[in-house]
Amino acid sequence: MGASHDNEEEHEFGEEDNNNTSKSSNTNNDRASRMANSTKSAPADASVVFSPELLSMYYSRLFPYQLLYSWLSYDPATANPSSTNNTSITKGAPSSSTFPRREFSMTIEPTPGNEVYIRYQSFLSQDELSSAIMKRRPTKIDIGAVFNYPPKDNKSLPSGKLQTQERELVFDIDLTDYDGVRNCGCSGAKICNKCWTFMGMAVEVMDGGLRKDFGFEHLAWFYSGRRGVHCWVCDDKARKLSNEARSAVATYFEVCYVYFVYCLMFY
């Protein structure tokens, strides 16, 4: 994406290791793989023009640094930033070994319409993260995997030494998957209150399945910003699933998806 400095930096998170699910020629398996393996967001709408001034205001006043840092640290000590004992955590000392090994990427626009995609960004603390974001004012931030070394040290490591250790199990549900049963007149990225109910139904089915059938507890649901929702399964056992196990979970929900759409056709 954009003007990367080398070919390797054009890859999505984790592509340099062997931890990505291989693509199947079967259409249903392709959708399942995309649902469970997507951690890099889709390209932004090329027609959108970002204001540097508004980005600065957003990142200085509104961006949830502490919430993001606490979540991706997976350390209860980060939950209460006002505590005196936790001051050193946000100021410099790492709360755990997890956050400094987490990869971030940023898409920036040095000039309007000129996107530059920066990979292998990692930060020791919340302060380092916030300083880098406010300095670069990215138009998009992607959250990557946790590696065995801080990703920022990638250039100094022998080739192939940087390997994925864990990553959340992420599902991407788009309304376009339901275009065949959207009888409200909407299609593609167009959304109305009537067809959005399909997203509510899909969330209910998937949330129940992940909790009851697989025993996961820590699920975070997000609006994708365009035409669907993302589910991040954050349990420790989910973050350490093998590729085969991830594919199995995705395939299970692919069967549910087919049955769900079949039922909607007669709804």
Protein backbone atom coordinates (compact mmCIF):
# COMPACT_ATOMS: atom_id res chain seq x y z
CA MET A 1 0.00 0.00 0.00
CA GLY A 2 1.31 3.41 -0.91
CA ALA A 3 4.97 4.36 -1.16
CA SER A 4 6.58 1.78 1.07
CA HIS A 5 10.35 1.83 1.41
CA ASP A 6 10.76 -1.78 0.36
CA ASN A 7 8.69 -4.66 -0.94
CA GLU A 8 8.50 -6.37 2.42
CA GLU A 9 6.76 -3.39 3.96
CA GLU A 10 3.95 -3.69 1.45
CA HIS A 11 2.77 -6.94 3.00
CA GLU A 12 -0.01 -7.21 5.52
CA PHE A 13 0.71 -8.03 9.15
CA GLY A 14 2.34 -11.41 9.70
CA GLU A 15 2.84 -12.19 6.02
CA GLU A 16 6.56 -12.66 6.37
CA ASP A 17 5.97 -15.64 8.64
CA ASN A 18 4.12 -18.84 7.88
CA ASN A 19 1.20 -18.04 10.15
CA ASN A 20 -1.39 -16.94 7.59
CA THR A 21 -4.22 -19.21 6.50
CA SER A 22 -3.79 -20.36 2.91
CA LYS A 23 -6.49 -19.33 0.47
CA SER A 24 -8.84 -22.02 -0.80
CA SER A 25 -10.30 -22.06 -4.28
CA ASN A 26 -13.69 -22.80 -2.74
CA THR A 27 -15.79 -19.64 -2.48
CA ASN A 28 -17.20 -20.45 0.94
CA ASN A 29 -13.77 -21.24 2.37
CA ASP A 30 -12.45 -17.99 0.91
CA ARG A 31 -15.11 -16.06 2.81
CA ALA A 32 -14.42 -17.99 6.00
CA SER A 33 -10.67 -17.38 5.71
CA ARG A 34 -11.27 -13.67 5.15
CA MET A 35 -13.62 -13.50 8.13
CA ALA A 36 -11.16 -15.08 10.56
CA ASN A 37 -7.87 -13.80 9.24
CA SER A 38 -8.40 -10.09 8.54
CA THR A 39 -6.47 -7.76 10.83
CA LYS A 40 -5.55 -5.14 8.28
CA SER A 41 -8.38 -2.80 7.41
CA ALA A 42 -9.54 -2.04 3.91
CA PRO A 43 -8.08 0.92 2.02
CA ALA A 44 -9.72 4.21 2.79
CA ASP A 45 -12.08 5.85 0.33
CA ALA A 46 -9.86 7.70 -2.15
CA SER A 47 -12.38 10.52 -2.32
CA VAL A 48 -11.96 11.35 1.37
CA VAL A 49 -9.66 14.27 2.10
CA PHE A 50 -8.18 14.36 5.60
CA SER A 51 -7.56 17.67 7.31
CA PRO A 52 -4.20 17.78 9.14
CA GLU A 53 -5.67 20.28 11.59
CA LEU A 54 -8.66 18.07 12.41
CA LEU A 55 -6.42 15.00 12.70
CA SER A 56 -4.21 16.88 15.17
CA MET A 57 -7.25 17.88 17.19
CA TYR A 58 -8.61 14.34 17.18
CA TYR A 59 -5.35 12.70 18.24
CA SER A 60 -4.61 15.30 20.91
CA ARG A 61 -8.10 15.44 22.45
CA LEU A 62 -10.18 12.39 21.59
CA PHE A 63 -8.12 9.35 20.66
CA PRO A 64 -8.43 6.61 23.38
CA TYR A 65 -4.73 5.98 24.00
CA GLN A 66 -5.15 4.55 27.49
CA LEU A 67 -7.99 2.23 26.46
CA LEU A 68 -6.03 0.92 23.48
CA TYR A 69 -2.86 0.51 25.54
CA SER A 70 -4.66 -1.29 28.36
CA TRP A 71 -6.43 -3.64 25.97
CA LEU A 72 -3.37 -4.62 23.93
CA SER A 73 -1.15 -4.99 27.02
CA TYR A 74 -3.42 -7.68 28.50
CA ASP A 75 -2.19 -6.53 31.90
CA PRO A 76 -4.70 -5.69 34.69
CA ALA A 77 -2.19 -3.17 36.07
CA THR A 78 -2.99 -0.86 33.13
CA ALA A 79 -6.72 -0.71 33.85
CA ASN A 80 -6.44 2.18 36.33
CA PRO A 81 -4.06 4.80 34.88
CA SER A 82 -4.72 7.27 37.72
CA SER A 83 -3.13 4.96 40.26
CA THR A 84 0.21 6.22 41.58
CA ASN A 85 1.68 2.76 41.16
CA ASN A 86 0.79 2.77 37.48
CA THR A 87 2.37 6.10 36.57
CA SER A 88 5.61 4.47 35.46
CA ILE A 89 3.68 2.12 33.18
CA THR A 90 2.27 4.85 30.97
CA LYS A 91 5.38 7.02 31.22
CA GLY A 92 8.00 4.54 30.09
CA ALA A 93 8.34 1.22 31.86
CA PRO A 94 6.49 -1.56 29.99
CA SER A 95 3.51 -3.06 31.80
CA SER A 96 4.24 -6.49 30.34
CA SER A 97 6.30 -8.07 27.60
CA THR A 98 3.29 -8.17 25.28
CA PHE A 99 2.74 -4.56 24.25
CA PRO A 100 6.35 -3.78 23.18
CA ARG A 101 6.22 -6.77 20.82
CA ARG A 102 2.94 -5.71 19.20
CA GLU A 103 3.13 -4.46 15.61
CA PHE A 104 1.32 -1.34 14.48
CA SER A 105 1.24 0.10 11.01
CA MET A 106 0.28 3.62 10.03
CA THR A 107 -0.94 5.09 6.79
CA ILE A 108 0.08 8.72 6.51
CA GLU A 109 -0.45 11.41 3.86
CA PRO A 110 2.56 13.76 3.66
CA THR A 111 0.62 15.52 0.91
CA PRO A 112 -3.12 15.10 0.09
CA GLY A 113 -3.72 11.90 -1.86
CA ASN A 114 -0.14 10.63 -1.39
CA GLU A 115 -0.40 7.64 0.96
CA VAL A 116 2.64 6.15 2.67
CA TYR A 117 2.25 2.85 4.52
CA ILE A 118 4.66 2.39 7.44
CA ARG A 119 5.09 -1.09 8.91
CA TYR A 120 6.98 -2.62 11.84
CA GLN A 121 6.10 0.08 14.35
CA SER A 122 6.22 -0.94 18.02
CA PHE A 123 6.25 1.01 21.26
CA LEU A 124 7.52 0.43 24.76
CA SER A 125 4.81 2.44 26.52
CA GLN A 126 1.60 4.39 26.12
CA ASP A 127 3.58 7.62 25.98
CA GLU A 128 5.69 6.33 23.08
CA LEU A 129 2.55 5.28 21.22
CA SER A 130 0.77 8.59 21.73
CA SER A 131 3.86 10.63 20.80
CA ALA A 132 4.31 8.74 17.53
CA ILE A 133 0.64 9.02 16.59
CA MET A 134 0.43 12.74 17.35
CA LYS A 135 3.63 13.36 15.42
CA ARG A 136 2.61 11.42 12.31
CA ARG A 137 -1.14 12.10 12.34
CA PRO A 138 -1.98 8.87 10.47
CA THR A 139 -5.14 8.63 8.40
CA LYS A 140 -5.35 4.95 9.34
CA ILE A 141 -3.84 2.72 12.02
CA ASP A 142 -3.70 -1.08 11.74
CA ILE A 143 -3.12 -3.40 14.70
CA GLY A 144 -0.92 -6.39 13.97
CA ALA A 145 0.32 -9.49 15.72
CA VAL A 146 2.56 -9.94 18.74
CA PHE A 147 6.00 -11.12 17.64
CA ASN A 148 8.93 -12.79 19.41
CA TYR A 149 10.94 -9.54 19.13
CA PRO A 150 9.87 -5.90 18.99
CA PRO A 151 8.92 -5.36 15.32
CA LYS A 152 10.82 -2.06 15.23
CA ASP A 153 14.02 -4.15 15.47
CA ASN A 154 13.15 -5.99 12.26
CA LYS A 155 15.96 -4.44 10.22
CA SER A 156 18.62 -5.53 12.73
CA LEU A 157 17.42 -9.15 12.96
CA PRO A 158 18.55 -11.99 10.69
CA SER A 159 16.13 -12.77 7.88
CA GLY A 160 13.23 -14.91 9.09
CA LYS A 161 14.05 -14.34 12.76
CA LEU A 162 10.95 -12.20 13.42
CA GLN A 163 8.07 -14.62 13.94
CA THR A 164 4.45 -14.25 15.04
CA GLN A 165 3.77 -15.47 18.58
CA GLU A 166 0.10 -14.63 18.94
CA ARG A 167 -2.71 -12.64 17.38
CA GLU A 168 -6.36 -12.13 18.10
CA LEU A 169 -8.96 -14.20 16.26
CA VAL A 170 -10.71 -11.59 14.11
CA PHE A 171 -13.95 -11.93 12.16
CA ASP A 172 -15.10 -9.46 9.52
CA ILE A 173 -18.83 -9.41 8.71
CA ASP A 174 -19.95 -7.24 5.80
CA LEU A 175 -23.47 -6.38 4.69
CA THR A 176 -22.40 -7.15 1.13
CA ASP A 177 -22.41 -10.82 2.15
CA TYR A 178 -26.18 -10.45 2.46
CA ASP A 179 -26.86 -8.63 -0.81
CA GLY A 180 -28.84 -11.62 -2.05
CA VAL A 181 -31.41 -11.20 0.71
CA ARG A 182 -31.38 -7.42 1.17
CA ASN A 183 -34.83 -6.59 -0.16
CA CYS A 184 -34.78 -2.95 0.95
CA GLY A 185 -33.11 -1.69 -2.21
CA CYS A 186 -29.65 -1.32 -0.70
CA SER A 187 -26.52 -2.99 -2.02
CA GLY A 188 -22.77 -2.60 -1.64
CA ALA A 189 -21.84 0.04 0.93
CA LYS A 190 -25.32 1.56 1.01
CA ILE A 191 -27.01 0.90 4.39
CA CYS A 192 -30.43 1.59 5.87
CA ASN A 193 -32.06 0.75 9.19
CA LYS A 194 -33.90 -2.20 7.66
CA CYS A 195 -30.92 -4.05 6.19
CA TRP A 196 -28.71 -3.21 9.19
CA THR A 197 -30.91 -5.60 11.20
CA PHE A 198 -29.05 -8.39 9.37
CA MET A 199 -25.90 -7.26 11.14
CA GLY A 200 -27.67 -7.44 14.50
CA MET A 201 -28.80 -10.99 13.70
CA ALA A 202 -25.32 -12.01 12.54
CA VAL A 203 -23.73 -10.59 15.69
CA GLU A 204 -26.19 -12.46 17.89
CA VAL A 205 -25.54 -15.76 16.10
CA MET A 206 -21.76 -15.41 16.09
CA ASP A 207 -21.51 -14.07 19.63
CA GLY A 208 -23.58 -16.97 20.93
CA GLY A 209 -21.59 -19.51 18.96
CA LEU A 210 -18.21 -18.18 20.06
CA ARG A 211 -19.26 -18.17 23.70
CA LYS A 212 -21.37 -21.33 23.96
CA ASP A 213 -19.82 -23.61 21.35
CA PHE A 214 -16.16 -22.60 21.71
CA GLY A 215 -16.05 -21.28 25.26
CA PHE A 216 -14.57 -17.88 24.42
CA GLU A 217 -15.32 -15.10 26.89
CA HIS A 218 -13.52 -11.92 25.84
CA LEU A 219 -15.17 -10.64 22.67
CA ALA A 220 -14.90 -7.07 21.40
CA TRP A 221 -17.32 -5.91 18.71
CA PHE A 222 -16.58 -2.86 16.55
CA TYR A 223 -18.33 -1.06 13.74
CA SER A 224 -16.02 -1.39 10.75
CA GLY A 225 -16.57 2.23 9.73
CA ARG A 226 -18.10 1.31 6.41
CA ARG A 227 -20.56 -1.54 5.91
CA GLY A 228 -20.19 -4.09 8.65
CA VAL A 229 -18.74 -5.14 11.99
CA HIS A 230 -15.54 -6.73 13.27
CA CYS A 231 -15.29 -9.18 16.16
CA TRP A 232 -11.99 -9.49 18.01
CA VAL A 233 -11.75 -12.63 20.13
CA CYS A 234 -9.16 -11.77 22.77
CA ASP A 235 -9.01 -14.84 25.01
CA ASP A 236 -5.49 -16.13 25.61
CA LYS A 237 -6.35 -19.48 23.99
CA ALA A 238 -7.80 -17.70 20.95
CA ARG A 239 -4.70 -15.56 20.47
CA LYS A 240 -2.53 -18.69 20.39
CA LEU A 241 -4.63 -20.80 18.02
CA SER A 242 -2.86 -22.54 15.16
CA ASN A 243 -3.77 -21.78 11.56
CA GLU A 244 -5.62 -25.07 11.34
CA ALA A 245 -7.70 -24.27 14.42
CA ARG A 246 -8.51 -20.78 13.10
CA SER A 247 -9.68 -22.26 9.82
CA ALA A 248 -11.83 -24.78 11.68
CA VAL A 249 -13.57 -22.05 13.67
CA ALA A 250 -14.13 -20.01 10.53
CA THR A 251 -15.50 -23.02 8.64
CA TYR A 252 -17.92 -23.73 11.49
CA PHE A 253 -19.37 -20.25 11.14
CA GLU A 254 -19.41 -20.57 7.36
CA VAL A 255 -21.89 -23.42 7.80
CA CYS A 256 -23.89 -21.21 10.16
CA TYR A 257 -23.76 -18.41 7.58
CA VAL A 258 -25.17 -20.60 4.81
CA TYR A 259 -28.00 -21.79 7.05
CA PHE A 260 -28.64 -18.24 8.27
CA VAL A 261 -28.96 -16.85 4.72
CA TYR A 262 -31.15 -19.79 3.73
CA CYS A 263 -33.52 -18.94 6.58
CA LEU A 264 -33.52 -15.25 5.62
CA MET A 265 -34.64 -16.13 2.11
CA PHE A 266 -37.90 -17.29 3.61
CA TYR A 267 -38.06 -14.64 6.35
